Each structure stands twice: as C-alpha cells, then as structure tokens.
Amino acid sequence: MQNQDDANFTDTLTDREPASVWAQNHGNVLMMFLGGLIVLGSAILLYRQSRFVAPRFPQSSLIGEAKSTDESSGLENHSQITDFLSVTVVGSDQDNGDVMVAVYDSADAFANQTSPRWLDKATLREGTAVLQLPLINLGPEFAIVAFADQNANGGFDPQLNERIGFSGTLDRSQMEAEDAFEKARITPPFESFSVTINLL
C-alpha cells in the first residue's frame, strides 16, 4: 500500500514538471516578443522619417495667372508690365557720334525744350543707337525727342542742320506747330515696349 502511494506521488510530480517549466519560461517569451515588437516599430519609424520623398508641385490648372499693377501710370494688366521702354534711334548708315534723347511730359516743356523728365546720351554706331528708357517716374503720356548732337553742346541746333526725330507721328516739318506735343506723345500700354525714332 505504501509502495503504491509512493508511486502515485512520483507520477504526480512527473506530471507537474512540464507545467512548471512553461510557467517559468512564459515571462521570458513574452518579454522577447515585446522586445521584438519595439525593435520592429522603431525600424519602421526610422525608415519613414529618413526616406527620400520627391517634392510635389500643384497642377498647372490650379495656379492662377499673376496680376501686376503699375502704380506710376495707373495701368493694370497681366504679366505684361515692364519697367523700361526700348528706344531705337535710326539715322543714316554713315551717322556716327552722339545722339541726345529727351522725354517731355507737357506741351510747354516740349515746345521750349526745357525741364525734360528724362535725358540721356548714346552713341550712334553705323547709324543706330539703342537706349533703355525707365518708365517708373514718367506720367501717363509723354513725347520723346532724339537729335544728333554734332557740336556736343547738349542742345538741338537747327542752324547746324542737326538731324532730329520724334516719337508718335510728328515729323520735322511740324515741330513748331501748336499740336506738336499731341502728335509726338505716346501713351502706355505699349504693344511691344519699343519705340523707333528716325532722324531726319
């Protein structure tokens, strides 16, 4: 009887050992699983933060057309406002030397050739000179005069037969008319932002 009880006790201990081993390692397995999740999550986060992402631009259909305002002339248009007017002075092929270009914004100043709003000098090369006229300080209308300054005195001398030209439709024979400024004046906006003046 005693032997049978000892055998039963031994069998009971044998049956309990696997459960005891699992219980002992169960916490280690959970810790390893949790550690693996942490490492995997950290790797995914690091990859997403350090990967290269190509820049994205809005579609062209979503971009509106730029709108500019030229406050000096009170004009408003789209993507066609410029700060300069290209002035080309054309003489004969043999013309070489200085040419004066003056801008007037009133009939009195134009008639008397006084107080120009802008004055500059260029050199004729094979009969042509090009200047850039700044528009920022000019009014809504103005007239341009160009003449070959043969004696380099900065003024127009008709007695020397200095050649002269005007903007607009004014020619040399009309330069002393009462409406000379009206015929020579030009008003923005310009179609090409360039003006050609022929010396006569």
N, C-alpha and C. Protein backbone atom coordinates (compact mmCIF):
# COMPACT_ATOMS: atom_id res chain seq x y z
N MET A 1 0.83 -1.20 0.00
CA MET A 1 0.00 0.00 0.00
C MET A 1 0.86 1.25 0.00
N GLN A 2 1.91 1.18 0.84
CA GLN A 2 2.84 2.30 0.90
C GLN A 2 3.54 2.49 -0.41
N ASN A 3 3.91 1.40 -1.05
CA ASN A 3 4.59 1.48 -2.34
C ASN A 3 3.69 2.09 -3.41
N GLN A 4 2.44 1.77 -3.34
CA GLN A 4 1.50 2.31 -4.32
C GLN A 4 1.33 3.80 -4.13
N ASP A 5 1.28 4.26 -2.87
CA ASP A 5 1.16 5.70 -2.62
C ASP A 5 2.38 6.44 -3.09
N ASP A 6 3.57 5.84 -2.89
CA ASP A 6 4.79 6.49 -3.34
C ASP A 6 4.81 6.60 -4.86
N ALA A 7 4.33 5.58 -5.51
CA ALA A 7 4.29 5.61 -6.98
C ALA A 7 3.33 6.68 -7.48
N ASN A 8 2.19 6.78 -6.83
CA ASN A 8 1.23 7.82 -7.23
C ASN A 8 1.79 9.21 -7.02
N PHE A 9 2.55 9.40 -5.91
CA PHE A 9 3.15 10.71 -5.62
C PHE A 9 4.21 11.05 -6.66
N THR A 10 4.97 10.01 -7.03
CA THR A 10 6.01 10.21 -8.04
C THR A 10 5.39 10.57 -9.39
N ASP A 11 4.32 9.89 -9.77
CA ASP A 11 3.64 10.19 -11.02
C ASP A 11 3.09 11.62 -11.02
N THR A 12 2.58 12.06 -9.86
CA THR A 12 2.03 13.40 -9.76
C THR A 12 3.11 14.44 -9.99
N LEU A 13 4.31 14.23 -9.40
CA LEU A 13 5.43 15.15 -9.59
C LEU A 13 5.88 15.18 -11.04
N THR A 14 5.85 14.01 -11.68
CA THR A 14 6.27 13.92 -13.08
C THR A 14 5.32 14.68 -13.98
N ASP A 15 4.02 14.58 -13.69
CA ASP A 15 3.02 15.28 -14.50
C ASP A 15 3.13 16.79 -14.32
N ARG A 16 3.59 17.29 -13.18
CA ARG A 16 3.62 18.71 -12.91
C ARG A 16 4.87 19.40 -13.45
N GLU A 17 5.93 18.69 -13.76
CA GLU A 17 7.18 19.31 -14.17
C GLU A 17 7.06 20.11 -15.47
N PRO A 18 6.37 19.60 -16.53
CA PRO A 18 6.26 20.40 -17.75
C PRO A 18 5.53 21.72 -17.52
N ALA A 19 4.46 21.67 -16.73
CA ALA A 19 3.73 22.90 -16.44
C ALA A 19 4.60 23.88 -15.69
N SER A 20 5.45 23.38 -14.80
CA SER A 20 6.33 24.24 -14.04
C SER A 20 7.39 24.87 -14.93
N VAL A 21 7.92 24.11 -15.89
CA VAL A 21 8.91 24.65 -16.83
C VAL A 21 8.28 25.72 -17.70
N TRP A 22 7.11 25.53 -18.26
CA TRP A 22 6.40 26.53 -19.08
C TRP A 22 6.12 27.80 -18.29
N ALA A 23 5.65 27.61 -17.06
CA ALA A 23 5.36 28.77 -16.23
C ALA A 23 6.62 29.57 -15.97
N GLN A 24 7.75 28.85 -15.84
CA GLN A 24 9.00 29.54 -15.57
C GLN A 24 9.47 30.34 -16.79
N ASN A 25 9.27 29.84 -18.02
CA ASN A 25 9.77 30.50 -19.23
C ASN A 25 8.73 31.40 -19.91
N HIS A 26 7.50 31.33 -19.42
CA HIS A 26 6.43 32.09 -20.05
C HIS A 26 6.75 33.60 -20.05
N GLY A 27 7.23 34.14 -18.93
CA GLY A 27 7.56 35.56 -18.85
C GLY A 27 8.69 35.95 -19.80
N ASN A 28 9.69 35.07 -19.96
CA ASN A 28 10.80 35.36 -20.88
C ASN A 28 10.32 35.43 -22.33
N VAL A 29 9.42 34.52 -22.68
CA VAL A 29 8.89 34.52 -24.06
C VAL A 29 8.12 35.81 -24.34
N LEU A 30 7.32 36.24 -23.38
CA LEU A 30 6.55 37.47 -23.56
C LEU A 30 7.48 38.68 -23.68
N MET A 31 8.53 38.69 -22.85
CA MET A 31 9.49 39.80 -22.92
C MET A 31 10.19 39.82 -24.27
N MET A 32 10.58 38.66 -24.80
CA MET A 32 11.24 38.60 -26.10
C MET A 32 10.29 39.07 -27.21
N PHE A 33 9.03 38.68 -27.12
CA PHE A 33 8.04 39.09 -28.12
C PHE A 33 7.82 40.60 -28.08
N LEU A 34 7.72 41.14 -26.86
CA LEU A 34 7.53 42.58 -26.71
C LEU A 34 8.75 43.35 -27.22
N GLY A 35 9.95 42.84 -26.90
CA GLY A 35 11.16 43.47 -27.39
C GLY A 35 11.25 43.46 -28.90
N GLY A 36 10.80 42.37 -29.52
CA GLY A 36 10.80 42.28 -30.98
C GLY A 36 9.86 43.30 -31.60
N LEU A 37 8.68 43.48 -30.99
CA LEU A 37 7.74 44.49 -31.50
C LEU A 37 8.33 45.89 -31.41
N ILE A 38 9.02 46.19 -30.30
CA ILE A 38 9.61 47.51 -30.13
C ILE A 38 10.69 47.77 -31.18
N VAL A 39 11.54 46.77 -31.41
CA VAL A 39 12.61 46.91 -32.41
C VAL A 39 12.02 47.10 -33.80
N LEU A 40 10.98 46.28 -34.13
CA LEU A 40 10.35 46.39 -35.44
C LEU A 40 9.68 47.75 -35.62
N GLY A 41 8.99 48.24 -34.61
CA GLY A 41 8.33 49.55 -34.71
C GLY A 41 9.34 50.68 -34.85
N SER A 42 10.44 50.58 -34.10
CA SER A 42 11.47 51.61 -34.21
C SER A 42 12.08 51.62 -35.61
N ALA A 43 12.31 50.45 -36.19
CA ALA A 43 12.88 50.37 -37.53
C ALA A 43 11.94 50.97 -38.57
N ILE A 44 10.64 50.70 -38.45
CA ILE A 44 9.66 51.26 -39.39
C ILE A 44 9.60 52.78 -39.25
N LEU A 45 9.61 53.30 -38.02
CA LEU A 45 9.56 54.74 -37.80
C LEU A 45 10.81 55.43 -38.35
N LEU A 46 11.97 54.82 -38.13
CA LEU A 46 13.21 55.39 -38.64
C LEU A 46 13.22 55.42 -40.16
N TYR A 47 12.68 54.38 -40.78
CA TYR A 47 12.65 54.32 -42.24
C TYR A 47 11.74 55.40 -42.81
N ARG A 48 10.58 55.61 -42.21
CA ARG A 48 9.63 56.58 -42.73
C ARG A 48 10.17 58.01 -42.57
N GLN A 49 10.95 58.26 -41.52
CA GLN A 49 11.48 59.60 -41.29
C GLN A 49 12.70 59.90 -42.15
N SER A 50 13.45 58.89 -42.52
CA SER A 50 14.70 59.13 -43.25
C SER A 50 14.60 58.85 -44.74
N ARG A 51 13.47 58.33 -45.22
CA ARG A 51 13.37 58.03 -46.65
C ARG A 51 13.20 59.31 -47.45
N PHE A 52 13.64 59.29 -48.69
CA PHE A 52 13.54 60.44 -49.59
C PHE A 52 12.17 60.47 -50.24
N VAL A 53 11.53 61.64 -50.16
CA VAL A 53 10.22 61.85 -50.80
C VAL A 53 10.37 62.95 -51.82
N ALA A 54 10.07 62.67 -53.07
CA ALA A 54 10.20 63.66 -54.15
C ALA A 54 9.26 64.83 -53.90
N PRO A 55 9.70 66.08 -54.16
CA PRO A 55 8.82 67.24 -53.97
C PRO A 55 7.60 67.18 -54.86
N ARG A 56 6.51 67.67 -54.37
CA ARG A 56 5.25 67.67 -55.11
C ARG A 56 4.85 69.11 -55.41
N PHE A 57 4.43 69.33 -56.62
CA PHE A 57 4.04 70.66 -57.06
C PHE A 57 2.56 70.64 -57.45
N PRO A 58 1.88 71.77 -57.24
CA PRO A 58 0.47 71.81 -57.64
C PRO A 58 0.32 71.74 -59.15
N GLN A 59 -0.81 71.23 -59.58
CA GLN A 59 -1.08 71.15 -61.01
C GLN A 59 -1.17 72.55 -61.61
N SER A 60 -0.74 72.66 -62.87
CA SER A 60 -0.74 73.97 -63.52
C SER A 60 -2.14 74.57 -63.60
N SER A 61 -3.15 73.72 -63.64
CA SER A 61 -4.52 74.23 -63.73
C SER A 61 -4.97 74.90 -62.44
N LEU A 62 -4.23 74.64 -61.33
CA LEU A 62 -4.60 75.22 -60.05
C LEU A 62 -3.87 76.51 -59.76
N ILE A 63 -2.92 76.88 -60.62
CA ILE A 63 -2.14 78.09 -60.41
C ILE A 63 -2.76 79.23 -61.20
N GLY A 64 -3.14 80.30 -60.51
CA GLY A 64 -3.76 81.44 -61.17
C GLY A 64 -2.74 82.30 -61.89
N GLU A 65 -3.18 83.08 -62.83
CA GLU A 65 -2.31 83.98 -63.59
C GLU A 65 -1.95 85.18 -62.73
N ALA A 66 -0.66 85.55 -62.71
CA ALA A 66 -0.20 86.66 -61.90
C ALA A 66 -0.81 87.97 -62.40
N LYS A 67 -1.08 88.84 -61.46
CA LYS A 67 -1.70 90.12 -61.80
C LYS A 67 -0.82 91.23 -61.27
N SER A 68 -0.38 92.13 -62.15
CA SER A 68 0.54 93.20 -61.77
C SER A 68 -0.13 94.54 -61.97
N THR A 69 0.29 95.52 -61.16
CA THR A 69 -0.24 96.87 -61.25
C THR A 69 0.90 97.84 -61.34
N ASP A 70 0.90 98.69 -62.35
CA ASP A 70 1.89 99.75 -62.49
C ASP A 70 1.29 101.02 -61.92
N GLU A 71 1.65 101.35 -60.67
CA GLU A 71 1.03 102.48 -59.99
C GLU A 71 1.45 103.80 -60.59
N SER A 72 2.64 103.86 -61.22
CA SER A 72 3.11 105.13 -61.77
C SER A 72 2.28 105.59 -62.95
N SER A 73 1.69 104.66 -63.69
CA SER A 73 0.90 105.05 -64.85
C SER A 73 -0.58 104.76 -64.65
N GLY A 74 -0.93 104.17 -63.50
CA GLY A 74 -2.33 103.86 -63.24
C GLY A 74 -2.85 102.76 -64.13
N LEU A 75 -1.96 101.92 -64.68
CA LEU A 75 -2.39 100.87 -65.59
C LEU A 75 -2.35 99.54 -64.88
N GLU A 76 -3.16 98.65 -65.35
CA GLU A 76 -3.23 97.32 -64.76
C GLU A 76 -3.43 96.31 -65.87
N ASN A 77 -2.51 95.32 -65.95
CA ASN A 77 -2.70 94.23 -66.89
C ASN A 77 -1.96 93.02 -66.38
N HIS A 78 -1.99 91.93 -67.14
CA HIS A 78 -1.47 90.67 -66.67
C HIS A 78 -0.16 90.33 -67.35
N SER A 79 0.88 90.15 -66.50
CA SER A 79 2.17 89.64 -66.93
C SER A 79 2.76 90.40 -68.11
N GLN A 80 2.42 91.69 -68.28
CA GLN A 80 2.95 92.46 -69.39
C GLN A 80 3.52 93.81 -68.93
N ILE A 81 3.66 94.00 -67.63
CA ILE A 81 4.19 95.25 -67.11
C ILE A 81 5.72 95.16 -67.11
N THR A 82 6.37 96.17 -67.71
CA THR A 82 7.82 96.23 -67.70
C THR A 82 8.25 97.60 -67.21
N ASP A 83 9.49 97.71 -66.73
CA ASP A 83 9.98 98.96 -66.16
C ASP A 83 10.72 99.81 -67.17
N PHE A 84 10.94 99.30 -68.37
CA PHE A 84 11.74 100.03 -69.37
C PHE A 84 11.06 100.00 -70.73
N LEU A 85 11.32 101.07 -71.48
CA LEU A 85 10.89 101.16 -72.87
C LEU A 85 12.15 101.24 -73.72
N SER A 86 12.30 100.35 -74.66
CA SER A 86 13.47 100.35 -75.52
C SER A 86 13.29 101.38 -76.63
N VAL A 87 14.23 102.33 -76.70
CA VAL A 87 14.17 103.40 -77.70
C VAL A 87 15.31 103.18 -78.69
N THR A 88 14.97 102.99 -79.95
CA THR A 88 15.96 102.81 -81.00
C THR A 88 15.97 104.06 -81.88
N VAL A 89 17.13 104.68 -81.99
CA VAL A 89 17.30 105.88 -82.82
C VAL A 89 18.03 105.46 -84.09
N VAL A 90 17.43 105.78 -85.24
CA VAL A 90 17.98 105.34 -86.52
C VAL A 90 18.29 106.56 -87.38
N GLY A 91 19.54 106.64 -87.84
CA GLY A 91 19.95 107.67 -88.78
C GLY A 91 20.38 107.02 -90.08
N SER A 92 21.30 107.65 -90.77
CA SER A 92 21.84 107.05 -91.99
C SER A 92 22.99 106.11 -91.62
N ASP A 93 23.38 105.28 -92.56
CA ASP A 93 24.44 104.32 -92.28
C ASP A 93 25.77 105.00 -91.96
N GLN A 94 25.93 106.23 -92.40
CA GLN A 94 27.19 106.94 -92.17
C GLN A 94 27.20 107.72 -90.86
N ASP A 95 26.05 107.76 -90.17
CA ASP A 95 25.97 108.54 -88.93
C ASP A 95 26.76 107.86 -87.82
N ASN A 96 27.70 108.60 -87.26
CA ASN A 96 28.45 108.16 -86.09
C ASN A 96 28.62 109.37 -85.18
N GLY A 97 28.56 109.13 -83.88
CA GLY A 97 28.67 110.24 -82.94
C GLY A 97 27.58 110.18 -81.90
N ASP A 98 27.45 111.25 -81.13
CA ASP A 98 26.50 111.27 -80.02
C ASP A 98 25.09 111.62 -80.50
N VAL A 99 24.13 111.01 -79.84
CA VAL A 99 22.73 111.36 -80.06
C VAL A 99 22.11 111.59 -78.69
N MET A 100 21.37 112.68 -78.56
CA MET A 100 20.69 113.02 -77.31
C MET A 100 19.24 112.58 -77.39
N VAL A 101 18.74 112.02 -76.31
CA VAL A 101 17.34 111.59 -76.24
C VAL A 101 16.72 112.23 -75.01
N ALA A 102 15.63 112.98 -75.22
CA ALA A 102 14.95 113.69 -74.14
C ALA A 102 13.48 113.29 -74.12
N VAL A 103 12.91 113.27 -72.92
CA VAL A 103 11.50 112.92 -72.74
C VAL A 103 10.80 114.08 -72.06
N TYR A 104 9.67 114.51 -72.64
CA TYR A 104 8.88 115.63 -72.09
C TYR A 104 7.46 115.14 -71.82
N ASP A 105 6.89 115.64 -70.72
CA ASP A 105 5.52 115.21 -70.36
C ASP A 105 4.53 116.37 -70.38
N SER A 106 4.91 117.50 -70.99
CA SER A 106 3.97 118.61 -71.13
C SER A 106 4.25 119.34 -72.43
N ALA A 107 3.22 120.00 -72.96
CA ALA A 107 3.37 120.72 -74.23
C ALA A 107 4.33 121.89 -74.10
N ASP A 108 4.30 122.60 -72.96
CA ASP A 108 5.19 123.75 -72.77
C ASP A 108 6.65 123.32 -72.73
N ALA A 109 6.94 122.28 -71.95
CA ALA A 109 8.32 121.82 -71.86
C ALA A 109 8.81 121.29 -73.21
N PHE A 110 7.90 120.65 -73.94
CA PHE A 110 8.26 120.12 -75.26
C PHE A 110 8.56 121.25 -76.24
N ALA A 111 7.73 122.28 -76.26
CA ALA A 111 7.91 123.39 -77.20
C ALA A 111 9.17 124.18 -76.90
N ASN A 112 9.49 124.35 -75.62
CA ASN A 112 10.64 125.17 -75.23
C ASN A 112 11.91 124.34 -75.01
N GLN A 113 11.76 123.03 -75.09
CA GLN A 113 12.88 122.12 -74.84
C GLN A 113 13.53 122.42 -73.49
N THR A 114 12.67 122.51 -72.47
CA THR A 114 13.15 122.77 -71.11
C THR A 114 12.59 121.73 -70.16
N SER A 115 13.30 121.51 -69.08
CA SER A 115 12.87 120.62 -68.00
C SER A 115 12.41 119.25 -68.51
N PRO A 116 13.26 118.53 -69.20
CA PRO A 116 12.87 117.17 -69.62
C PRO A 116 12.74 116.26 -68.40
N ARG A 117 11.80 115.34 -68.45
CA ARG A 117 11.65 114.37 -67.37
C ARG A 117 12.77 113.35 -67.38
N TRP A 118 13.37 113.16 -68.54
CA TRP A 118 14.49 112.20 -68.66
C TRP A 118 15.36 112.65 -69.81
N LEU A 119 16.68 112.56 -69.64
CA LEU A 119 17.62 112.97 -70.66
C LEU A 119 18.82 112.03 -70.61
N ASP A 120 19.23 111.56 -71.78
CA ASP A 120 20.37 110.65 -71.82
C ASP A 120 21.08 110.78 -73.17
N LYS A 121 22.29 110.28 -73.21
CA LYS A 121 23.10 110.36 -74.43
C LYS A 121 23.56 108.96 -74.81
N ALA A 122 23.54 108.69 -76.10
CA ALA A 122 24.02 107.41 -76.62
C ALA A 122 24.91 107.69 -77.82
N THR A 123 25.57 106.65 -78.29
CA THR A 123 26.48 106.78 -79.43
C THR A 123 25.91 106.06 -80.64
N LEU A 124 25.82 106.77 -81.73
CA LEU A 124 25.39 106.15 -82.99
C LEU A 124 26.53 105.31 -83.55
N ARG A 125 26.21 104.07 -83.86
CA ARG A 125 27.17 103.18 -84.48
C ARG A 125 26.54 102.63 -85.77
N GLU A 126 27.13 103.03 -86.86
CA GLU A 126 26.59 102.68 -88.17
C GLU A 126 25.14 103.11 -88.29
N GLY A 127 24.85 104.26 -87.71
CA GLY A 127 23.54 104.87 -87.87
C GLY A 127 22.48 104.43 -86.89
N THR A 128 22.85 103.67 -85.85
CA THR A 128 21.83 103.17 -84.90
C THR A 128 22.33 103.29 -83.46
N ALA A 129 21.41 103.69 -82.59
CA ALA A 129 21.68 103.72 -81.15
C ALA A 129 20.45 103.21 -80.42
N VAL A 130 20.67 102.49 -79.32
CA VAL A 130 19.56 101.92 -78.55
C VAL A 130 19.73 102.34 -77.09
N LEU A 131 18.65 102.83 -76.49
CA LEU A 131 18.64 103.21 -75.08
C LEU A 131 17.46 102.53 -74.39
N GLN A 132 17.60 102.38 -73.06
CA GLN A 132 16.52 101.84 -72.25
C GLN A 132 15.93 102.99 -71.42
N LEU A 133 14.69 103.33 -71.73
CA LEU A 133 14.01 104.43 -71.06
C LEU A 133 13.26 103.91 -69.83
N PRO A 134 13.64 104.33 -68.62
CA PRO A 134 12.90 103.89 -67.42
C PRO A 134 11.52 104.54 -67.35
N LEU A 135 10.50 103.74 -67.13
CA LEU A 135 9.13 104.24 -67.12
C LEU A 135 8.62 104.58 -65.73
N ILE A 136 9.37 104.22 -64.71
CA ILE A 136 8.83 104.28 -63.36
C ILE A 136 8.47 105.70 -62.93
N ASN A 137 9.21 106.73 -63.40
CA ASN A 137 8.94 108.10 -62.96
C ASN A 137 8.22 108.94 -64.01
N LEU A 138 7.75 108.32 -65.07
CA LEU A 138 7.06 109.06 -66.13
C LEU A 138 5.56 109.06 -65.90
N GLY A 139 4.90 110.04 -66.48
CA GLY A 139 3.46 110.14 -66.34
C GLY A 139 2.73 109.24 -67.32
N PRO A 140 1.41 109.40 -67.43
CA PRO A 140 0.61 108.54 -68.30
C PRO A 140 0.82 108.81 -69.79
N GLU A 141 1.42 109.96 -70.13
CA GLU A 141 1.71 110.27 -71.53
C GLU A 141 2.96 111.14 -71.60
N PHE A 142 3.71 110.98 -72.67
CA PHE A 142 4.95 111.74 -72.83
C PHE A 142 5.37 111.71 -74.29
N ALA A 143 6.32 112.57 -74.65
CA ALA A 143 6.85 112.63 -76.00
C ALA A 143 8.38 112.49 -75.94
N ILE A 144 8.94 111.83 -76.94
CA ILE A 144 10.38 111.59 -76.99
C ILE A 144 10.98 112.36 -78.17
N VAL A 145 12.09 113.02 -77.90
CA VAL A 145 12.83 113.74 -78.93
C VAL A 145 14.25 113.17 -78.97
N ALA A 146 14.77 112.93 -80.18
CA ALA A 146 16.15 112.48 -80.35
C ALA A 146 16.80 113.33 -81.43
N PHE A 147 18.04 113.75 -81.19
CA PHE A 147 18.74 114.55 -82.21
C PHE A 147 20.23 114.24 -82.15
N ALA A 148 20.87 114.36 -83.31
CA ALA A 148 22.30 114.15 -83.41
C ALA A 148 23.01 115.40 -82.93
N ASP A 149 23.75 115.27 -81.84
CA ASP A 149 24.42 116.41 -81.23
C ASP A 149 25.80 116.59 -81.85
N GLN A 150 25.85 117.26 -82.99
CA GLN A 150 27.10 117.36 -83.74
C GLN A 150 28.16 118.19 -83.02
N ASN A 151 27.75 119.23 -82.34
CA ASN A 151 28.74 120.07 -81.66
C ASN A 151 28.87 119.75 -80.17
N ALA A 152 28.20 118.67 -79.73
CA ALA A 152 28.34 118.16 -78.36
C ALA A 152 28.04 119.21 -77.30
N ASN A 153 27.03 120.05 -77.56
CA ASN A 153 26.65 121.05 -76.57
C ASN A 153 25.41 120.66 -75.79
N GLY A 154 24.85 119.49 -76.09
CA GLY A 154 23.70 119.00 -75.35
C GLY A 154 22.37 119.58 -75.78
N GLY A 155 22.36 120.46 -76.80
CA GLY A 155 21.12 121.06 -77.28
C GLY A 155 20.98 120.90 -78.78
N PHE A 156 19.74 121.11 -79.25
CA PHE A 156 19.47 120.98 -80.68
C PHE A 156 19.75 122.31 -81.37
N ASP A 157 20.58 122.26 -82.41
CA ASP A 157 20.96 123.47 -83.15
C ASP A 157 20.51 123.31 -84.60
N PRO A 158 19.33 123.86 -84.95
CA PRO A 158 18.84 123.71 -86.33
C PRO A 158 19.73 124.40 -87.36
N GLN A 159 20.44 125.46 -86.94
CA GLN A 159 21.30 126.16 -87.89
C GLN A 159 22.47 125.29 -88.35
N LEU A 160 22.77 124.25 -87.59
CA LEU A 160 23.84 123.33 -87.97
C LEU A 160 23.30 122.15 -88.75
N ASN A 161 22.01 122.21 -89.05
CA ASN A 161 21.35 121.11 -89.76
C ASN A 161 21.50 119.79 -89.00
N GLU A 162 21.43 119.89 -87.66
CA GLU A 162 21.46 118.65 -86.87
C GLU A 162 20.17 117.87 -87.13
N ARG A 163 20.34 116.58 -87.29
CA ARG A 163 19.19 115.72 -87.58
C ARG A 163 18.40 115.47 -86.31
N ILE A 164 17.06 115.42 -86.45
CA ILE A 164 16.18 115.29 -85.30
C ILE A 164 15.02 114.34 -85.65
N GLY A 165 14.48 113.71 -84.64
CA GLY A 165 13.35 112.81 -84.83
C GLY A 165 12.47 112.78 -83.59
N PHE A 166 11.23 112.32 -83.75
CA PHE A 166 10.26 112.36 -82.66
C PHE A 166 9.51 111.03 -82.57
N SER A 167 8.95 110.82 -81.40
CA SER A 167 8.02 109.70 -81.24
C SER A 167 6.68 110.07 -81.84
N GLY A 168 5.77 109.13 -81.87
CA GLY A 168 4.44 109.39 -82.43
C GLY A 168 4.48 109.59 -83.92
N THR A 169 3.64 110.51 -84.39
CA THR A 169 3.54 110.78 -85.84
C THR A 169 4.15 112.12 -86.23
N LEU A 170 4.80 112.81 -85.31
CA LEU A 170 5.35 114.13 -85.60
C LEU A 170 6.61 114.01 -86.45
N ASP A 171 6.71 114.86 -87.49
CA ASP A 171 7.95 114.92 -88.27
C ASP A 171 8.56 116.30 -88.14
N ARG A 172 9.72 116.48 -88.73
CA ARG A 172 10.50 117.71 -88.54
C ARG A 172 9.75 118.95 -89.04
N SER A 173 9.00 118.83 -90.08
CA SER A 173 8.30 119.99 -90.64
C SER A 173 7.18 120.48 -89.73
N GLN A 174 6.75 119.67 -88.75
CA GLN A 174 5.64 120.04 -87.87
C GLN A 174 6.11 120.38 -86.46
N MET A 175 7.41 120.42 -86.23
CA MET A 175 7.92 120.52 -84.86
C MET A 175 7.55 121.83 -84.17
N GLU A 176 7.20 122.87 -84.91
CA GLU A 176 6.82 124.14 -84.30
C GLU A 176 5.31 124.37 -84.32
N ALA A 177 4.56 123.37 -84.70
CA ALA A 177 3.10 123.50 -84.72
C ALA A 177 2.54 123.49 -83.30
N GLU A 178 1.33 124.06 -83.15
CA GLU A 178 0.73 124.13 -81.81
C GLU A 178 0.41 122.75 -81.26
N ASP A 179 0.09 121.83 -82.15
CA ASP A 179 -0.26 120.49 -81.69
C ASP A 179 0.92 119.53 -81.82
N ALA A 180 2.14 120.06 -81.79
CA ALA A 180 3.32 119.21 -81.96
C ALA A 180 3.42 118.17 -80.85
N PHE A 181 3.17 118.59 -79.62
CA PHE A 181 3.26 117.64 -78.49
C PHE A 181 2.21 116.54 -78.63
N GLU A 182 0.99 116.91 -79.05
CA GLU A 182 -0.08 115.90 -79.20
C GLU A 182 0.29 114.87 -80.26
N LYS A 183 0.97 115.30 -81.31
CA LYS A 183 1.35 114.37 -82.37
C LYS A 183 2.55 113.49 -81.97
N ALA A 184 3.38 114.01 -81.08
CA ALA A 184 4.58 113.26 -80.68
C ALA A 184 4.34 112.39 -79.45
N ARG A 185 3.30 112.66 -78.70
CA ARG A 185 3.14 111.95 -77.44
C ARG A 185 2.74 110.48 -77.67
N ILE A 186 3.13 109.67 -76.75
CA ILE A 186 2.77 108.25 -76.75
C ILE A 186 2.20 107.92 -75.38
N THR A 187 1.30 106.98 -75.35
CA THR A 187 0.60 106.64 -74.11
C THR A 187 0.67 105.13 -73.89
N PRO A 188 1.12 104.69 -72.72
CA PRO A 188 1.07 103.25 -72.41
C PRO A 188 -0.38 102.78 -72.35
N PRO A 189 -0.67 101.48 -72.47
CA PRO A 189 0.32 100.41 -72.61
C PRO A 189 0.84 100.30 -74.04
N PHE A 190 2.08 99.84 -74.15
CA PHE A 190 2.71 99.70 -75.44
C PHE A 190 2.58 98.26 -75.93
N GLU A 191 2.46 98.11 -77.25
CA GLU A 191 2.29 96.77 -77.80
C GLU A 191 3.58 95.95 -77.68
N SER A 192 4.73 96.59 -77.90
CA SER A 192 5.98 95.83 -77.88
C SER A 192 7.01 96.41 -76.92
N PHE A 193 6.67 97.51 -76.22
CA PHE A 193 7.60 98.17 -75.32
C PHE A 193 8.89 98.57 -76.02
N SER A 194 8.75 99.00 -77.26
CA SER A 194 9.88 99.52 -78.02
C SER A 194 9.38 100.61 -78.96
N VAL A 195 10.21 101.64 -79.13
CA VAL A 195 9.88 102.77 -79.99
C VAL A 195 11.07 103.03 -80.89
N THR A 196 10.80 103.25 -82.19
CA THR A 196 11.85 103.59 -83.13
C THR A 196 11.68 105.04 -83.58
N ILE A 197 12.75 105.80 -83.49
CA ILE A 197 12.74 107.21 -83.88
C ILE A 197 13.74 107.37 -85.03
N ASN A 198 13.27 107.91 -86.14
CA ASN A 198 14.11 108.13 -87.31
C ASN A 198 14.58 109.57 -87.35
N LEU A 199 15.89 109.76 -87.47
CA LEU A 199 16.46 111.11 -87.56
C LEU A 199 16.30 111.64 -88.98
N LEU A 200 15.75 112.85 -89.11
CA LEU A 200 15.52 113.47 -90.42
C LEU A 200 16.25 114.81 -90.48
